[in-house]
Amino acid sequence: MFGRRLLGELRGLVDLLLPPACPLCGERFGEGEGPFFCSVCLAGFTPARSPRCPHCALPYPAEGVPDHPCEDCTREPPPFRWVRALGLYEGHLREAVHRFKYRGDMDFDRPLGRLLALSIASDLQDFAPQLILPVPLHRDRLAGRTYNQALLLARVLGRALEIPVPSSLLLRHRATPSQQGLDATERQRNLRGAFGLGRSLEGERVLLLDDVMTTGATARECARVLLAGGASEVAVAVLGRARRHRWEAETPCPSLD
């Protein structure tokens, strides 16, 4: 009790001497702002709202229509129960993810992870996951980047929701070529056999975590492996859901490595 009180006093002193700033724009928080991002930057996050696919959360451009399955999920129902996203992969959220993933700004894990926890809290009341598993990186990719952004996010989410995050349960056995420029079928073929499990899952409900979903190929393959390994259900949470339709050309992400 004493330690917690002292820690709170120390944090208050730090906030007084060095007022918290928005991690995205660097501006000091104004009254009533924070603790994640300033109001201006948060306004640049586009919520992932309806209308969308109820399975993979693909957003639709039309307004005023009900949620309905997309073509891909109609042709091949996904192995996961649902996908939830903090927002659409554009604007300030895209910038935050790029800085977190490619520029080494690892401190974005806390504001992004806590915002994601808040945004999916109501969905988790019904799903009640027993494990949170990040999409893993192959050891060669991890050596180059030095950290797995999905694992950092998962740890923040796990602490916020009090759910275990085993870091070596879902594994990436095979390095795969870049997914950029591939369609959904090619991406699925590219990922086949890339993932495995460190142990069997005995009826456990799993929340799979990744930073961005584009075609959903990675989430589909990971969920397939988890269910084959004994998981009872899999749901997916991501920071950003891309607006990507069959009739739209995919805009390549700039290389920030």
Protein backbone atom coordinates (compact mmCIF):
# COMPACT_ATOMS: atom_id res chain seq x y z
CA MET A 1 0.00 0.00 0.00
CA PHE A 2 2.82 2.38 0.96
CA GLY A 3 4.74 1.53 -2.21
CA ARG A 4 1.74 2.21 -4.41
CA ARG A 5 1.06 5.54 -2.68
CA LEU A 6 4.69 6.57 -3.08
CA LEU A 7 4.65 5.58 -6.75
CA GLY A 8 1.52 7.66 -7.27
CA GLU A 9 3.14 10.67 -5.61
CA LEU A 10 6.25 10.29 -7.76
CA ARG A 11 4.16 10.11 -10.92
CA GLY A 12 2.28 13.22 -9.85
CA LEU A 13 5.57 15.04 -9.29
CA VAL A 14 6.86 13.99 -12.73
CA ASP A 15 3.62 15.16 -14.36
CA LEU A 16 3.94 18.49 -12.57
CA LEU A 17 7.55 19.05 -13.65
CA LEU A 18 7.18 17.47 -17.09
CA PRO A 19 3.51 17.69 -18.15
CA PRO A 20 2.46 14.71 -20.28
CA ALA A 21 2.59 15.30 -24.02
CA CYS A 22 0.81 13.70 -26.95
CA PRO A 23 3.12 11.00 -28.36
CA LEU A 24 2.02 11.76 -31.90
CA CYS A 25 2.32 15.54 -32.20
CA GLY A 26 4.42 16.31 -29.09
CA GLU A 27 2.03 18.99 -27.79
CA ARG A 28 1.46 19.14 -24.04
CA PHE A 29 -1.93 17.90 -23.00
CA GLY A 30 -4.44 20.63 -22.30
CA GLU A 31 -7.00 20.53 -19.52
CA GLY A 32 -9.24 17.50 -19.91
CA GLU A 33 -7.00 15.91 -22.56
CA GLY A 34 -5.04 12.68 -22.47
CA PRO A 35 -3.88 10.30 -21.23
CA PHE A 36 -3.42 8.67 -24.66
CA PHE A 37 -3.41 11.29 -27.42
CA CYS A 38 -4.42 14.93 -27.60
CA SER A 39 -7.91 15.82 -28.81
CA VAL A 40 -6.63 17.05 -32.18
CA CYS A 41 -4.77 13.80 -32.93
CA LEU A 42 -7.65 11.66 -31.66
CA ALA A 43 -9.95 13.52 -34.04
CA GLY A 44 -7.71 12.21 -36.83
CA PHE A 45 -8.50 8.59 -35.87
CA THR A 46 -11.37 7.30 -38.05
CA PRO A 47 -13.55 4.86 -36.05
CA ALA A 48 -14.23 1.42 -37.56
CA ARG A 49 -18.00 1.75 -37.64
CA SER A 50 -20.88 0.24 -39.58
CA PRO A 51 -21.52 -0.57 -42.32
CA ARG A 52 -18.94 -3.31 -42.33
CA CYS A 53 -18.58 -7.07 -42.69
CA PRO A 54 -19.62 -8.65 -39.36
CA HIS A 55 -16.90 -11.29 -39.75
CA CYS A 56 -13.74 -9.52 -40.95
CA ALA A 57 -14.76 -5.89 -40.26
CA LEU A 58 -14.13 -4.80 -43.87
CA PRO A 59 -15.60 -1.28 -44.08
CA TYR A 60 -18.04 -0.43 -46.86
CA PRO A 61 -18.03 2.92 -48.66
CA ALA A 62 -21.83 3.18 -48.77
CA GLU A 63 -23.70 4.65 -45.81
CA GLY A 64 -27.13 3.82 -44.48
CA VAL A 65 -26.93 0.10 -45.23
CA PRO A 66 -26.86 -2.68 -42.63
CA ASP A 67 -23.80 -4.76 -41.85
CA HIS A 68 -23.51 -7.73 -44.21
CA PRO A 69 -20.86 -10.33 -45.05
CA CYS A 70 -18.30 -9.33 -47.67
CA GLU A 71 -17.69 -11.44 -50.77
CA ASP A 72 -14.60 -13.16 -49.35
CA CYS A 73 -16.33 -14.17 -46.11
CA THR A 74 -19.39 -15.36 -48.04
CA ARG A 75 -17.31 -17.53 -50.35
CA GLU A 76 -15.06 -18.83 -47.55
CA PRO A 77 -16.28 -18.17 -43.99
CA PRO A 78 -13.28 -17.22 -41.83
CA PRO A 79 -12.12 -19.47 -38.99
CA PHE A 80 -12.31 -16.61 -36.49
CA ARG A 81 -15.47 -15.40 -34.76
CA TRP A 82 -15.03 -11.68 -35.43
CA VAL A 83 -12.54 -8.88 -35.99
CA ARG A 84 -12.50 -5.64 -34.02
CA ALA A 85 -10.31 -2.65 -34.84
CA LEU A 86 -9.37 0.50 -33.00
CA GLY A 87 -10.01 2.41 -36.23
CA LEU A 88 -9.54 2.50 -39.97
CA TYR A 89 -5.98 2.34 -41.20
CA GLU A 90 -5.70 5.95 -42.35
CA GLY A 91 -4.99 9.44 -41.06
CA HIS A 92 -3.40 9.81 -37.65
CA LEU A 93 -3.83 6.14 -36.71
CA ARG A 94 -1.86 5.10 -39.81
CA GLU A 95 0.87 7.58 -38.85
CA ALA A 96 1.00 6.25 -35.28
CA VAL A 97 1.22 2.63 -36.48
CA HIS A 98 4.00 3.49 -38.94
CA ARG A 99 6.03 5.20 -36.26
CA PHE A 100 5.45 2.32 -33.85
CA LYS A 101 6.19 -0.44 -36.38
CA TYR A 102 8.89 0.99 -38.64
CA ARG A 103 10.60 3.87 -36.86
CA GLY A 104 11.37 2.27 -33.51
CA ASP A 105 8.92 4.40 -31.50
CA MET A 106 8.15 1.59 -29.07
CA ASP A 107 6.51 3.94 -26.56
CA PHE A 108 3.43 3.92 -28.79
CA ASP A 109 2.61 0.49 -27.35
CA ARG A 110 1.00 1.96 -24.23
CA PRO A 111 -1.35 4.59 -25.70
CA LEU A 112 -2.34 2.39 -28.64
CA GLY A 113 -2.72 -0.74 -26.51
CA ARG A 114 -4.81 0.99 -23.86
CA LEU A 115 -7.06 2.63 -26.45
CA LEU A 116 -7.56 -0.75 -28.10
CA ALA A 117 -8.44 -2.30 -24.73
CA LEU A 118 -11.11 0.34 -24.19
CA SER A 119 -12.52 -0.03 -27.69
CA ILE A 120 -12.98 -3.83 -27.50
CA ALA A 121 -13.93 -4.14 -23.81
CA SER A 122 -17.66 -4.58 -24.50
CA ASP A 123 -17.03 -7.27 -27.15
CA LEU A 124 -14.87 -9.24 -24.74
CA GLN A 125 -17.66 -9.50 -22.19
CA ASP A 126 -19.35 -12.09 -24.40
CA PHE A 127 -16.22 -13.68 -25.86
CA ALA A 128 -14.16 -13.79 -22.62
CA PRO A 129 -10.75 -14.85 -24.02
CA GLN A 130 -8.46 -16.94 -21.86
CA LEU A 131 -5.31 -16.06 -23.81
CA ILE A 132 -4.07 -13.17 -25.91
CA LEU A 133 -1.66 -14.26 -28.64
CA PRO A 134 0.24 -11.82 -30.86
CA VAL A 135 0.96 -12.66 -34.49
CA PRO A 136 4.63 -13.74 -34.30
CA LEU A 137 7.59 -12.60 -36.39
CA HIS A 138 10.09 -15.04 -37.86
CA ARG A 139 13.42 -14.93 -36.04
CA ASP A 140 15.15 -13.37 -39.09
CA ARG A 141 12.63 -10.52 -39.26
CA LEU A 142 12.79 -10.10 -35.48
CA ALA A 143 16.58 -9.83 -35.63
CA GLY A 144 16.30 -7.01 -38.14
CA ARG A 145 13.53 -5.09 -36.38
CA THR A 146 14.64 -6.05 -32.81
CA TYR A 147 11.05 -6.13 -31.49
CA ASN A 148 7.64 -7.49 -32.40
CA GLN A 149 5.13 -4.65 -32.25
CA ALA A 150 2.23 -7.11 -31.90
CA LEU A 151 3.84 -8.64 -28.80
CA LEU A 152 4.36 -5.21 -27.21
CA LEU A 153 0.71 -4.38 -27.84
CA ALA A 154 -0.44 -7.74 -26.52
CA ARG A 155 1.42 -7.22 -23.25
CA VAL A 156 -0.23 -3.83 -22.72
CA LEU A 157 -3.62 -5.32 -23.58
CA GLY A 158 -3.03 -8.31 -21.32
CA ARG A 159 -2.16 -6.11 -18.34
CA ALA A 160 -5.20 -3.90 -18.94
CA LEU A 161 -7.59 -6.85 -19.27
CA GLU A 162 -5.78 -9.22 -16.85
CA ILE A 163 -5.43 -11.94 -19.50
CA PRO A 164 -2.25 -14.04 -19.93
CA VAL A 165 -0.02 -13.33 -22.94
CA PRO A 166 2.29 -16.33 -23.58
CA SER A 167 4.96 -15.09 -25.98
CA SER A 168 6.15 -18.44 -27.35
CA LEU A 169 2.91 -20.33 -27.90
CA LEU A 170 2.06 -19.19 -31.44
CA LEU A 171 5.27 -19.50 -33.48
CA ARG A 172 6.41 -18.53 -36.96
CA HIS A 173 8.42 -21.46 -38.30
CA ARG A 174 8.98 -20.23 -41.84
CA ALA A 175 10.01 -16.84 -43.16
CA THR A 176 7.68 -15.63 -45.92
CA PRO A 177 8.19 -13.14 -48.73
CA SER A 178 6.53 -9.74 -48.39
CA GLN A 179 2.75 -9.78 -48.67
CA GLN A 180 2.70 -6.36 -50.32
CA GLY A 181 1.16 -6.42 -53.79
CA LEU A 182 -0.41 -9.90 -53.36
CA ASP A 183 -4.14 -10.53 -53.47
CA ALA A 184 -5.95 -12.47 -50.74
CA THR A 185 -5.50 -15.88 -52.41
CA GLU A 186 -1.79 -15.32 -53.04
CA ARG A 187 -1.30 -14.11 -49.47
CA GLN A 188 -3.02 -17.21 -48.08
CA ARG A 189 -0.84 -19.47 -50.22
CA ASN A 190 2.25 -17.52 -49.15
CA LEU A 191 1.44 -18.12 -45.45
CA ARG A 192 0.48 -21.81 -45.62
CA GLY A 193 2.61 -23.76 -43.15
CA ALA A 194 4.32 -20.66 -41.76
CA PHE A 195 2.84 -20.89 -38.25
CA GLY A 196 2.82 -23.53 -35.54
CA LEU A 197 2.11 -24.02 -31.84
CA GLY A 198 4.43 -24.54 -28.89
CA ARG A 199 1.79 -26.65 -27.13
CA SER A 200 -1.75 -27.86 -27.63
CA LEU A 201 -4.70 -25.67 -26.70
CA GLU A 202 -7.35 -27.48 -24.70
CA GLY A 203 -10.59 -25.75 -25.52
CA GLU A 204 -9.19 -22.29 -24.77
CA ARG A 205 -10.69 -19.14 -26.27
CA VAL A 206 -7.98 -17.05 -27.92
CA LEU A 207 -7.82 -13.39 -28.83
CA LEU A 208 -5.37 -13.04 -31.73
CA LEU A 209 -3.67 -9.65 -31.92
CA ASP A 210 -2.02 -7.86 -34.85
CA ASP A 211 -1.32 -4.27 -35.84
CA VAL A 212 -3.11 -4.00 -39.22
CA MET A 213 -5.52 -6.15 -41.22
CA THR A 214 -5.60 -5.78 -45.00
CA THR A 215 -6.93 -8.91 -46.71
CA GLY A 216 -7.16 -10.95 -43.50
CA ALA A 217 -4.90 -13.72 -44.83
CA THR A 218 -2.58 -13.69 -41.81
CA ALA A 219 -5.46 -13.77 -39.32
CA ARG A 220 -7.13 -16.61 -41.24
CA GLU A 221 -3.98 -18.74 -41.25
CA CYS A 222 -3.18 -18.10 -37.59
CA ALA A 223 -6.76 -18.84 -36.55
CA ARG A 224 -6.75 -22.05 -38.59
CA VAL A 225 -3.58 -23.20 -36.77
CA LEU A 226 -5.02 -22.27 -33.36
CA LEU A 227 -8.26 -24.18 -33.97
CA ALA A 228 -6.36 -27.19 -35.32
CA GLY A 229 -4.31 -27.07 -32.12
CA GLY A 230 -7.37 -27.33 -29.89
CA ALA A 231 -8.63 -23.76 -29.39
CA SER A 232 -12.40 -23.62 -28.96
CA GLU A 233 -12.80 -20.18 -30.56
CA VAL A 234 -10.64 -17.41 -31.98
CA ALA A 235 -11.41 -13.70 -32.26
CA VAL A 236 -9.14 -11.03 -33.71
CA ALA A 237 -8.21 -7.51 -32.57
CA VAL A 238 -6.15 -5.08 -34.65
CA LEU A 239 -5.18 -1.44 -34.44
CA GLY A 240 -6.11 -0.58 -38.02
CA ARG A 241 -8.50 -2.11 -40.55
CA ALA A 242 -7.67 -1.20 -44.13
CA ARG A 243 -10.30 0.05 -46.56
CA ARG A 244 -9.61 -2.50 -49.24
CA HIS A 245 -12.09 -3.78 -51.80
CA ARG A 246 -11.68 -5.88 -54.89
CA TRP A 247 -12.28 -2.87 -57.12
CA GLU A 248 -9.71 -0.72 -55.37
CA ALA A 249 -6.02 -0.74 -56.16
CA GLU A 250 -3.92 -1.37 -53.07
CA THR A 251 -1.74 1.62 -52.22
CA PRO A 252 1.70 0.35 -51.17
CA CYS A 253 2.88 1.53 -47.78
CA PRO A 254 6.04 3.63 -47.95
CA SER A 255 9.16 1.87 -46.76
CA LEU A 256 10.14 3.36 -43.43
CA ASP A 257 12.83 0.87 -42.45
